[in-house]
Amino acid sequence: MSKKQEVLEYLQTIPKGKVTTYKNIAKIFGIHPRAVAMYMKHNKFPDKYPCYKVVAHNWNLSWYNTEKWVSEKIERLRNDWIEVSDWKIDEKYII
């Protein structure tokens, strides 16, 4: 299995109401956070692999790979009971 596929499948294990960071995923898989960002950017199945659950290490929201961009990421996070304020989430949601 490729590293990209491992990372994408890891996203499926993040529970509802929680998110993680590019940096945390990078540590788990021994890769650079930018590699994680590229995997998220090229995720062709965001409904299957919930890349919206990945945020920057400072808990800011970042780019999202859909037609609606970050507004869709915010919508998906709120549907997962995650509060978003000023394009940022609270530390309590991070795993």
PDB file of N, CA and C in Angstrom:
ATOM      1  N   MET A   1       0.844  -1.177   0.000  1.00  0.00           N
ATOM      2  CA  MET A   1       0.000   0.000   0.000  1.00  0.00           C
ATOM      3  C   MET A   1       0.892   1.244   0.000  1.00  0.00           C
ATOM      4  N   SER A   2       0.532   2.208  -0.783  1.00  0.00           N
ATOM      5  CA  SER A   2       1.328   3.432  -0.854  1.00  0.00           C
ATOM      6  C   SER A   2       1.148   4.279   0.404  1.00  0.00           C
ATOM      7  N   LYS A   3       2.114   5.139   0.662  1.00  0.00           N
ATOM      8  CA  LYS A   3       2.045   6.047   1.806  1.00  0.00           C
ATOM      9  C   LYS A   3       0.794   6.934   1.691  1.00  0.00           C
ATOM     10  N   LYS A   4       0.531   7.397   0.473  1.00  0.00           N
ATOM     11  CA  LYS A   4      -0.656   8.235   0.261  1.00  0.00           C
ATOM     12  C   LYS A   4      -1.918   7.485   0.668  1.00  0.00           C
ATOM     13  N   GLN A   5      -2.045   6.250   0.254  1.00  0.00           N
ATOM     14  CA  GLN A   5      -3.235   5.468   0.589  1.00  0.00           C
ATOM     15  C   GLN A   5      -3.320   5.231   2.101  1.00  0.00           C
ATOM     16  N   GLU A   6      -2.193   4.988   2.746  1.00  0.00           N
ATOM     17  CA  GLU A   6      -2.183   4.811   4.201  1.00  0.00           C
ATOM     18  C   GLU A   6      -2.699   6.069   4.900  1.00  0.00           C
ATOM     19  N   VAL A   7      -2.228   7.235   4.443  1.00  0.00           N
ATOM     20  CA  VAL A   7      -2.653   8.499   5.043  1.00  0.00           C
ATOM     21  C   VAL A   7      -4.148   8.709   4.817  1.00  0.00           C
ATOM     22  N   LEU A   8      -4.609   8.473   3.607  1.00  0.00           N
ATOM     23  CA  LEU A   8      -6.028   8.645   3.317  1.00  0.00           C
ATOM     24  C   LEU A   8      -6.890   7.724   4.174  1.00  0.00           C
ATOM     25  N   GLU A   9      -6.464   6.489   4.329  1.00  0.00           N
ATOM     26  CA  GLU A   9      -7.224   5.554   5.154  1.00  0.00           C
ATOM     27  C   GLU A   9      -7.189   5.952   6.626  1.00  0.00           C
ATOM     28  N   TYR A  10      -6.090   6.555   7.065  1.00  0.00           N
ATOM     29  CA  TYR A  10      -6.006   7.054   8.443  1.00  0.00           C
ATOM     30  C   TYR A  10      -7.110   8.089   8.705  1.00  0.00           C
ATOM     31  N   LEU A  11      -7.410   8.903   7.709  1.00  0.00           N
ATOM     32  CA  LEU A  11      -8.447   9.923   7.874  1.00  0.00           C
ATOM     33  C   LEU A  11      -9.783   9.311   8.293  1.00  0.00           C
ATOM     34  N   GLN A  12     -10.039   8.099   7.840  1.00  0.00           N
ATOM     35  CA  GLN A  12     -11.294   7.421   8.176  1.00  0.00           C
ATOM     36  C   GLN A  12     -11.371   7.036   9.647  1.00  0.00           C
ATOM     37  N   THR A  13     -10.252   7.047  10.343  1.00  0.00           N
ATOM     38  CA  THR A  13     -10.236   6.658  11.757  1.00  0.00           C
ATOM     39  C   THR A  13     -10.447   7.849  12.697  1.00  0.00           C
ATOM     40  N   ILE A  14     -10.431   9.049  12.169  1.00  0.00           N
ATOM     41  CA  ILE A  14     -10.618  10.240  13.007  1.00  0.00           C
ATOM     42  C   ILE A  14     -12.090  10.311  13.392  1.00  0.00           C
ATOM     43  N   PRO A  15     -12.381  10.268  14.684  1.00  0.00           N
ATOM     44  CA  PRO A  15     -13.791  10.235  15.104  1.00  0.00           C
ATOM     45  C   PRO A  15     -14.538  11.540  14.826  1.00  0.00           C
ATOM     46  N   LYS A  16     -15.831  11.414  14.740  1.00  0.00           N
ATOM     47  CA  LYS A  16     -16.683  12.588  14.565  1.00  0.00           C
ATOM     48  C   LYS A  16     -16.425  13.543  15.728  1.00  0.00           C
ATOM     49  N   GLY A  17     -16.344  14.822  15.429  1.00  0.00           N
ATOM     50  CA  GLY A  17     -16.092  15.821  16.458  1.00  0.00           C
ATOM     51  C   GLY A  17     -14.623  16.054  16.749  1.00  0.00           C
ATOM     52  N   LYS A  18     -13.744  15.429  15.975  1.00  0.00           N
ATOM     53  CA  LYS A  18     -12.304  15.598  16.165  1.00  0.00           C
ATOM     54  C   LYS A  18     -11.634  15.886  14.830  1.00  0.00           C
ATOM     55  N   VAL A  19     -10.484  16.529  14.906  1.00  0.00           N
ATOM     56  CA  VAL A  19      -9.651  16.792  13.733  1.00  0.00           C
ATOM     57  C   VAL A  19      -8.206  16.521  14.119  1.00  0.00           C
ATOM     58  N   THR A  20      -7.341  16.561  13.133  1.00  0.00           N
ATOM     59  CA  THR A  20      -5.913  16.448  13.396  1.00  0.00           C
ATOM     60  C   THR A  20      -5.198  17.478  12.527  1.00  0.00           C
ATOM     61  N   THR A  21      -3.877  17.508  12.633  1.00  0.00           N
ATOM     62  CA  THR A  21      -3.105  18.486  11.867  1.00  0.00           C
ATOM     63  C   THR A  21      -2.228  17.777  10.842  1.00  0.00           C
ATOM     64  N   TYR A  22      -1.799  18.554   9.849  1.00  0.00           N
ATOM     65  CA  TYR A  22      -0.859  18.022   8.863  1.00  0.00           C
ATOM     66  C   TYR A  22       0.392  17.523   9.582  1.00  0.00           C
ATOM     67  N   LYS A  23       0.836  18.277  10.577  1.00  0.00           N
ATOM     68  CA  LYS A  23       2.044  17.936  11.325  1.00  0.00           C
ATOM     69  C   LYS A  23       1.880  16.622  12.089  1.00  0.00           C
ATOM     70  N   ASN A  24       0.726  16.435  12.734  1.00  0.00           N
ATOM     71  CA  ASN A  24       0.492  15.192  13.474  1.00  0.00           C
ATOM     72  C   ASN A  24       0.484  13.980  12.543  1.00  0.00           C
ATOM     73  N   ILE A  25      -0.165  14.119  11.403  1.00  0.00           N
ATOM     74  CA  ILE A  25      -0.182  13.010  10.442  1.00  0.00           C
ATOM     75  C   ILE A  25       1.228  12.736   9.938  1.00  0.00           C
ATOM     76  N   ALA A  26       1.964  13.794   9.661  1.00  0.00           N
ATOM     77  CA  ALA A  26       3.340  13.628   9.180  1.00  0.00           C
ATOM     78  C   ALA A  26       4.185  12.852  10.187  1.00  0.00           C
ATOM     79  N   LYS A  27       4.028  13.155  11.468  1.00  0.00           N
ATOM     80  CA  LYS A  27       4.782  12.430  12.507  1.00  0.00           C
ATOM     81  C   LYS A  27       4.406  10.955  12.532  1.00  0.00           C
ATOM     82  N   ILE A  28       3.133  10.666  12.423  1.00  0.00           N
ATOM     83  CA  ILE A  28       2.667   9.275  12.461  1.00  0.00           C
ATOM     84  C   ILE A  28       3.274   8.472  11.317  1.00  0.00           C
ATOM     85  N   PHE A  29       3.333   9.062  10.128  1.00  0.00           N
ATOM     86  CA  PHE A  29       3.756   8.322   8.942  1.00  0.00           C
ATOM     87  C   PHE A  29       5.199   8.588   8.517  1.00  0.00           C
ATOM     88  N   GLY A  30       5.922   9.404   9.289  1.00  0.00           N
ATOM     89  CA  GLY A  30       7.329   9.655   8.991  1.00  0.00           C
ATOM     90  C   GLY A  30       7.551  10.382   7.679  1.00  0.00           C
ATOM     91  N   ILE A  31       6.676  11.350   7.404  1.00  0.00           N
ATOM     92  CA  ILE A  31       6.794  12.124   6.171  1.00  0.00           C
ATOM     93  C   ILE A  31       6.724  13.610   6.507  1.00  0.00           C
ATOM     94  N   HIS A  32       6.932  14.443   5.520  1.00  0.00           N
ATOM     95  CA  HIS A  32       6.886  15.892   5.714  1.00  0.00           C
ATOM     96  C   HIS A  32       5.432  16.370   5.683  1.00  0.00           C
ATOM     97  N   PRO A  33       5.079  17.369   6.492  1.00  0.00           N
ATOM     98  CA  PRO A  33       3.709  17.903   6.455  1.00  0.00           C
ATOM     99  C   PRO A  33       3.264  18.366   5.067  1.00  0.00           C
ATOM    100  N   ARG A  34       4.200  18.819   4.272  1.00  0.00           N
ATOM    101  CA  ARG A  34       3.828  19.240   2.911  1.00  0.00           C
ATOM    102  C   ARG A  34       3.384  18.050   2.059  1.00  0.00           C
ATOM    103  N   ALA A  35       3.955  16.892   2.322  1.00  0.00           N
ATOM    104  CA  ALA A  35       3.512  15.685   1.614  1.00  0.00           C
ATOM    105  C   ALA A  35       2.066  15.375   1.996  1.00  0.00           C
ATOM    106  N   VAL A  36       1.759  15.521   3.272  1.00  0.00           N
ATOM    107  CA  VAL A  36       0.384  15.306   3.733  1.00  0.00           C
ATOM    108  C   VAL A  36      -0.545  16.291   3.019  1.00  0.00           C
ATOM    109  N   ALA A  37      -0.136  17.543   2.935  1.00  0.00           N
ATOM    110  CA  ALA A  37      -0.943  18.562   2.261  1.00  0.00           C
ATOM    111  C   ALA A  37      -1.183  18.189   0.797  1.00  0.00           C
ATOM    112  N   MET A  38      -0.174  17.669   0.144  1.00  0.00           N
ATOM    113  CA  MET A  38      -0.338  17.263  -1.252  1.00  0.00           C
ATOM    114  C   MET A  38      -1.308  16.088  -1.376  1.00  0.00           C
ATOM    115  N   TYR A  39      -1.242  15.153  -0.434  1.00  0.00           N
ATOM    116  CA  TYR A  39      -2.194  14.039  -0.461  1.00  0.00           C
ATOM    117  C   TYR A  39      -3.615  14.562  -0.308  1.00  0.00           C
ATOM    118  N   MET A  40      -3.798  15.537   0.568  1.00  0.00           N
ATOM    119  CA  MET A  40      -5.127  16.111   0.771  1.00  0.00           C
ATOM    120  C   MET A  40      -5.574  16.850  -0.493  1.00  0.00           C
ATOM    121  N   LYS A  41      -4.655  17.573  -1.100  1.00  0.00           N
ATOM    122  CA  LYS A  41      -4.971  18.347  -2.305  1.00  0.00           C
ATOM    123  C   LYS A  41      -5.445  17.449  -3.438  1.00  0.00           C
ATOM    124  N   HIS A  42      -4.858  16.268  -3.543  1.00  0.00           N
ATOM    125  CA  HIS A  42      -5.182  15.368  -4.643  1.00  0.00           C
ATOM    126  C   HIS A  42      -6.146  14.252  -4.236  1.00  0.00           C
ATOM    127  N   ASN A  43      -6.813  14.415  -3.117  1.00  0.00           N
ATOM    128  CA  ASN A  43      -7.817  13.456  -2.672  1.00  0.00           C
ATOM    129  C   ASN A  43      -9.037  13.563  -3.588  1.00  0.00           C
ATOM    130  N   LYS A  44      -9.260  12.552  -4.388  1.00  0.00           N
ATOM    131  CA  LYS A  44     -10.378  12.558  -5.342  1.00  0.00           C
ATOM    132  C   LYS A  44     -11.698  12.112  -4.716  1.00  0.00           C
ATOM    133  N   PHE A  45     -11.646  11.627  -3.470  1.00  0.00           N
ATOM    134  CA  PHE A  45     -12.842  11.104  -2.824  1.00  0.00           C
ATOM    135  C   PHE A  45     -13.009  11.697  -1.419  1.00  0.00           C
ATOM    136  N   PRO A  46     -13.291  13.011  -1.327  1.00  0.00           N
ATOM    137  CA  PRO A  46     -13.390  13.646  -0.007  1.00  0.00           C
ATOM    138  C   PRO A  46     -14.543  13.116   0.852  1.00  0.00           C
ATOM    139  N   ASP A  47     -15.536  12.502   0.237  1.00  0.00           N
ATOM    140  CA  ASP A  47     -16.604  11.909   1.044  1.00  0.00           C
ATOM    141  C   ASP A  47     -16.146  10.603   1.688  1.00  0.00           C
ATOM    142  N   LYS A  48     -15.259   9.896   1.023  1.00  0.00           N
ATOM    143  CA  LYS A  48     -14.718   8.640   1.559  1.00  0.00           C
ATOM    144  C   LYS A  48     -13.539   8.893   2.501  1.00  0.00           C
ATOM    145  N   TYR A  49     -12.669   9.817   2.092  1.00  0.00           N
ATOM    146  CA  TYR A  49     -11.476  10.151   2.876  1.00  0.00           C
ATOM    147  C   TYR A  49     -11.612  11.605   3.336  1.00  0.00           C
ATOM    148  N   PRO A  50     -12.082  11.813   4.564  1.00  0.00           N
ATOM    149  CA  PRO A  50     -12.463  13.154   5.048  1.00  0.00           C
ATOM    150  C   PRO A  50     -11.291  14.092   5.327  1.00  0.00           C
ATOM    151  N   CYS A  51     -10.739  14.632   4.247  1.00  0.00           N
ATOM    152  CA  CYS A  51      -9.591  15.523   4.393  1.00  0.00           C
ATOM    153  C   CYS A  51      -9.957  16.856   5.044  1.00  0.00           C
ATOM    154  N   TYR A  52     -11.236  17.145   5.151  1.00  0.00           N
ATOM    155  CA  TYR A  52     -11.643  18.364   5.859  1.00  0.00           C
ATOM    156  C   TYR A  52     -11.286  18.300   7.336  1.00  0.00           C
ATOM    157  N   LYS A  53     -10.966  17.121   7.831  1.00  0.00           N
ATOM    158  CA  LYS A  53     -10.606  16.943   9.240  1.00  0.00           C
ATOM    159  C   LYS A  53      -9.134  17.224   9.516  1.00  0.00           C
ATOM    160  N   VAL A  54      -8.440  17.805   8.544  1.00  0.00           N
ATOM    161  CA  VAL A  54      -7.023  18.131   8.711  1.00  0.00           C
ATOM    162  C   VAL A  54      -6.877  19.648   8.669  1.00  0.00           C
ATOM    163  N   VAL A  55      -6.232  20.188   9.710  1.00  0.00           N
ATOM    164  CA  VAL A  55      -6.037  21.635   9.832  1.00  0.00           C
ATOM    165  C   VAL A  55      -4.556  21.935  10.044  1.00  0.00           C
ATOM    166  N   ALA A  56      -4.216  23.202   9.974  1.00  0.00           N
ATOM    167  CA  ALA A  56      -2.830  23.619  10.198  1.00  0.00           C
ATOM    168  C   ALA A  56      -2.433  23.403  11.656  1.00  0.00           C
ATOM    169  N   HIS A  57      -1.132  23.379  11.923  1.00  0.00           N
ATOM    170  CA  HIS A  57      -0.640  23.120  13.285  1.00  0.00           C
ATOM    171  C   HIS A  57      -1.060  24.203  14.283  1.00  0.00           C
ATOM    172  N   ASN A  58      -1.426  25.387  13.788  1.00  0.00           N
ATOM    173  CA  ASN A  58      -1.896  26.460  14.676  1.00  0.00           C
ATOM    174  C   ASN A  58      -3.423  26.479  14.750  1.00  0.00           C
ATOM    175  N   TRP A  59      -4.059  25.435  14.255  1.00  0.00           N
ATOM    176  CA  TRP A  59      -5.504  25.191  14.280  1.00  0.00           C
ATOM    177  C   TRP A  59      -6.284  26.075  13.332  1.00  0.00           C
ATOM    178  N   ASN A  60      -5.579  26.754  12.428  1.00  0.00           N
ATOM    179  CA  ASN A  60      -6.254  27.542  11.400  1.00  0.00           C
ATOM    180  C   ASN A  60      -6.719  26.621  10.276  1.00  0.00           C
ATOM    181  N   LEU A  61      -7.810  27.013   9.659  1.00  0.00           N
ATOM    182  CA  LEU A  61      -8.284  26.272   8.499  1.00  0.00           C
ATOM    183  C   LEU A  61      -7.416  26.641   7.315  1.00  0.00           C
ATOM    184  N   SER A  62      -7.243  25.693   6.445  1.00  0.00           N
ATOM    185  CA  SER A  62      -6.437  25.937   5.263  1.00  0.00           C
ATOM    186  C   SER A  62      -7.243  25.571   4.033  1.00  0.00           C
ATOM    187  N   TRP A  63      -6.622  25.669   2.912  1.00  0.00           N
ATOM    188  CA  TRP A  63      -7.234  25.393   1.625  1.00  0.00           C
ATOM    189  C   TRP A  63      -8.001  24.078   1.644  1.00  0.00           C
ATOM    190  N   TYR A  64      -9.070  23.994   0.845  1.00  0.00           N
ATOM    191  CA  TYR A  64      -9.850  22.762   0.748  1.00  0.00           C
ATOM    192  C   TYR A  64     -10.125  22.461  -0.712  1.00  0.00           C
ATOM    193  N   ASN A  65     -10.003  21.219  -1.086  1.00  0.00           N
ATOM    194  CA  ASN A  65     -10.004  20.772  -2.470  1.00  0.00           C
ATOM    195  C   ASN A  65     -11.406  20.467  -3.023  1.00  0.00           C
ATOM    196  N   THR A  66     -12.303  21.424  -2.990  1.00  0.00           N
ATOM    197  CA  THR A  66     -13.600  21.258  -3.631  1.00  0.00           C
ATOM    198  C   THR A  66     -13.978  22.567  -4.304  1.00  0.00           C
ATOM    199  N   GLU A  67     -15.062  22.553  -5.036  1.00  0.00           N
ATOM    200  CA  GLU A  67     -15.498  23.757  -5.731  1.00  0.00           C
ATOM    201  C   GLU A  67     -15.856  24.888  -4.773  1.00  0.00           C
ATOM    202  N   LYS A  68     -16.333  24.552  -3.589  1.00  0.00           N
ATOM    203  CA  LYS A  68     -16.749  25.565  -2.618  1.00  0.00           C
ATOM    204  C   LYS A  68     -15.608  26.023  -1.713  1.00  0.00           C
ATOM    205  N   TRP A  69     -14.448  25.431  -1.859  1.00  0.00           N
ATOM    206  CA  TRP A  69     -13.257  25.798  -1.098  1.00  0.00           C
ATOM    207  C   TRP A  69     -13.466  25.711   0.408  1.00  0.00           C
ATOM    208  N   VAL A  70     -12.952  26.688   1.138  1.00  0.00           N
ATOM    209  CA  VAL A  70     -12.962  26.626   2.612  1.00  0.00           C
ATOM    210  C   VAL A  70     -14.381  26.696   3.168  1.00  0.00           C
ATOM    211  N   SER A  71     -15.297  27.348   2.481  1.00  0.00           N
ATOM    212  CA  SER A  71     -16.666  27.413   2.994  1.00  0.00           C
ATOM    213  C   SER A  71     -17.255  26.012   3.145  1.00  0.00           C
ATOM    214  N   GLU A  72     -16.914  25.099   2.245  1.00  0.00           N
ATOM    215  CA  GLU A  72     -17.382  23.722   2.379  1.00  0.00           C
ATOM    216  C   GLU A  72     -16.685  23.020   3.546  1.00  0.00           C
ATOM    217  N   LYS A  73     -15.406  23.293   3.740  1.00  0.00           N
ATOM    218  CA  LYS A  73     -14.678  22.703   4.862  1.00  0.00           C
ATOM    219  C   LYS A  73     -15.336  23.126   6.175  1.00  0.00           C
ATOM    220  N   ILE A  74     -15.667  24.400   6.295  1.00  0.00           N
ATOM    221  CA  ILE A  74     -16.327  24.899   7.503  1.00  0.00           C
ATOM    222  C   ILE A  74     -17.674  24.211   7.692  1.00  0.00           C
ATOM    223  N   GLU A  75     -18.423  24.085   6.624  1.00  0.00           N
ATOM    224  CA  GLU A  75     -19.728  23.424   6.692  1.00  0.00           C
ATOM    225  C   GLU A  75     -19.591  21.980   7.164  1.00  0.00           C
ATOM    226  N   ARG A  76     -18.623  21.268   6.606  1.00  0.00           N
ATOM    227  CA  ARG A  76     -18.411  19.866   7.002  1.00  0.00           C
ATOM    228  C   ARG A  76     -17.964  19.760   8.460  1.00  0.00           C
ATOM    229  N   LEU A  77     -17.087  20.654   8.883  1.00  0.00           N
ATOM    230  CA  LEU A  77     -16.643  20.638  10.282  1.00  0.00           C
ATOM    231  C   LEU A  77     -17.813  20.904  11.221  1.00  0.00           C
ATOM    232  N   ARG A  78     -18.629  21.871  10.899  1.00  0.00           N
ATOM    233  CA  ARG A  78     -19.795  22.187  11.746  1.00  0.00           C
ATOM    234  C   ARG A  78     -20.779  21.029  11.776  1.00  0.00           C
ATOM    235  N   ASN A  79     -20.906  20.309  10.670  1.00  0.00           N
ATOM    236  CA  ASN A  79     -21.765  19.117  10.656  1.00  0.00           C
ATOM    237  C   ASN A  79     -21.203  18.011  11.543  1.00  0.00           C
ATOM    238  N   ASP A  80     -19.920  18.086  11.845  1.00  0.00           N
ATOM    239  CA  ASP A  80     -19.262  17.131  12.752  1.00  0.00           C
ATOM    240  C   ASP A  80     -19.193  17.681  14.181  1.00  0.00           C
ATOM    241  N   TRP A  81     -19.967  18.709  14.482  1.00  0.00           N
ATOM    242  CA  TRP A  81     -20.044  19.314  15.819  1.00  0.00           C
ATOM    243  C   TRP A  81     -18.775  20.067  16.202  1.00  0.00           C
ATOM    244  N   ILE A  82     -18.044  20.545  15.230  1.00  0.00           N
ATOM    245  CA  ILE A  82     -16.815  21.290  15.499  1.00  0.00           C
ATOM    246  C   ILE A  82     -17.086  22.769  15.263  1.00  0.00           C
ATOM    247  N   GLU A  83     -16.866  23.561  16.293  1.00  0.00           N
ATOM    248  CA  GLU A  83     -17.087  24.999  16.201  1.00  0.00           C
ATOM    249  C   GLU A  83     -15.937  25.654  15.446  1.00  0.00           C
ATOM    250  N   VAL A  84     -16.286  26.563  14.557  1.00  0.00           N
ATOM    251  CA  VAL A  84     -15.299  27.312  13.779  1.00  0.00           C
ATOM    252  C   VAL A  84     -15.529  28.791  14.037  1.00  0.00           C
ATOM    253  N   SER A  85     -14.465  29.478  14.422  1.00  0.00           N
ATOM    254  CA  SER A  85     -14.559  30.908  14.682  1.00  0.00           C
ATOM    255  C   SER A  85     -13.351  31.605  14.051  1.00  0.00           C
ATOM    256  N   ASP A  86     -13.598  32.571  13.207  1.00  0.00           N
ATOM    257  CA  ASP A  86     -12.524  33.311  12.528  1.00  0.00           C
ATOM    258  C   ASP A  86     -11.553  32.374  11.810  1.00  0.00           C
ATOM    259  N   TRP A  87     -12.094  31.385  11.131  1.00  0.00           N
ATOM    260  CA  TRP A  87     -11.313  30.423  10.343  1.00  0.00           C
ATOM    261  C   TRP A  87     -10.356  29.604  11.205  1.00  0.00           C
ATOM    262  N   LYS A  88     -10.740  29.399  12.451  1.00  0.00           N
ATOM    263  CA  LYS A  88      -9.895  28.657  13.382  1.00  0.00           C
ATOM    264  C   LYS A  88     -10.783  27.760  14.234  1.00  0.00           C
ATOM    265  N   ILE A  89     -10.205  26.648  14.686  1.00  0.00           N
ATOM    266  CA  ILE A  89     -10.930  25.769  15.592  1.00  0.00           C
ATOM    267  C   ILE A  89     -10.235  25.757  16.944  1.00  0.00           C
ATOM    268  N   ASP A  90     -10.941  25.325  17.946  1.00  0.00           N
ATOM    269  CA  ASP A  90     -10.392  25.259  19.295  1.00  0.00           C
ATOM    270  C   ASP A  90      -9.517  24.014  19.451  1.00  0.00           C
ATOM    271  N   GLU A  91      -8.524  24.142  20.282  1.00  0.00           N
ATOM    272  CA  GLU A  91      -7.571  23.056  20.565  1.00  0.00           C
ATOM    273  C   GLU A  91      -8.273  21.788  21.051  1.00  0.00           C
ATOM    274  N   LYS A  92      -9.421  21.917  21.696  1.00  0.00           N
ATOM    275  CA  LYS A  92     -10.101  20.756  22.271  1.00  0.00           C
ATOM    276  C   LYS A  92     -10.547  19.737  21.206  1.00  0.00           C
ATOM    277  N   TYR A  93     -10.568  20.140  19.945  1.00  0.00           N
ATOM    278  CA  TYR A  93     -10.990  19.224  18.884  1.00  0.00           C
ATOM    279  C   TYR A  93      -9.837  18.438  18.264  1.00  0.00           C
ATOM    280  N   ILE A  94      -8.616  18.772  18.631  1.00  0.00           N
ATOM    281  CA  ILE A  94      -7.437  18.160  18.004  1.00  0.00           C
ATOM    282  C   ILE A  94      -7.098  16.812  18.643  1.00  0.00           C
ATOM    283  N   ILE A  95      -6.808  15.838  17.802  1.00  0.00           N
ATOM    284  CA  ILE A  95      -6.277  14.556  18.309  1.00  0.00           C
ATOM    285  C   ILE A  95      -4.883  14.379  17.771  1.00  0.00           C
TER     286      ILE A  95
END
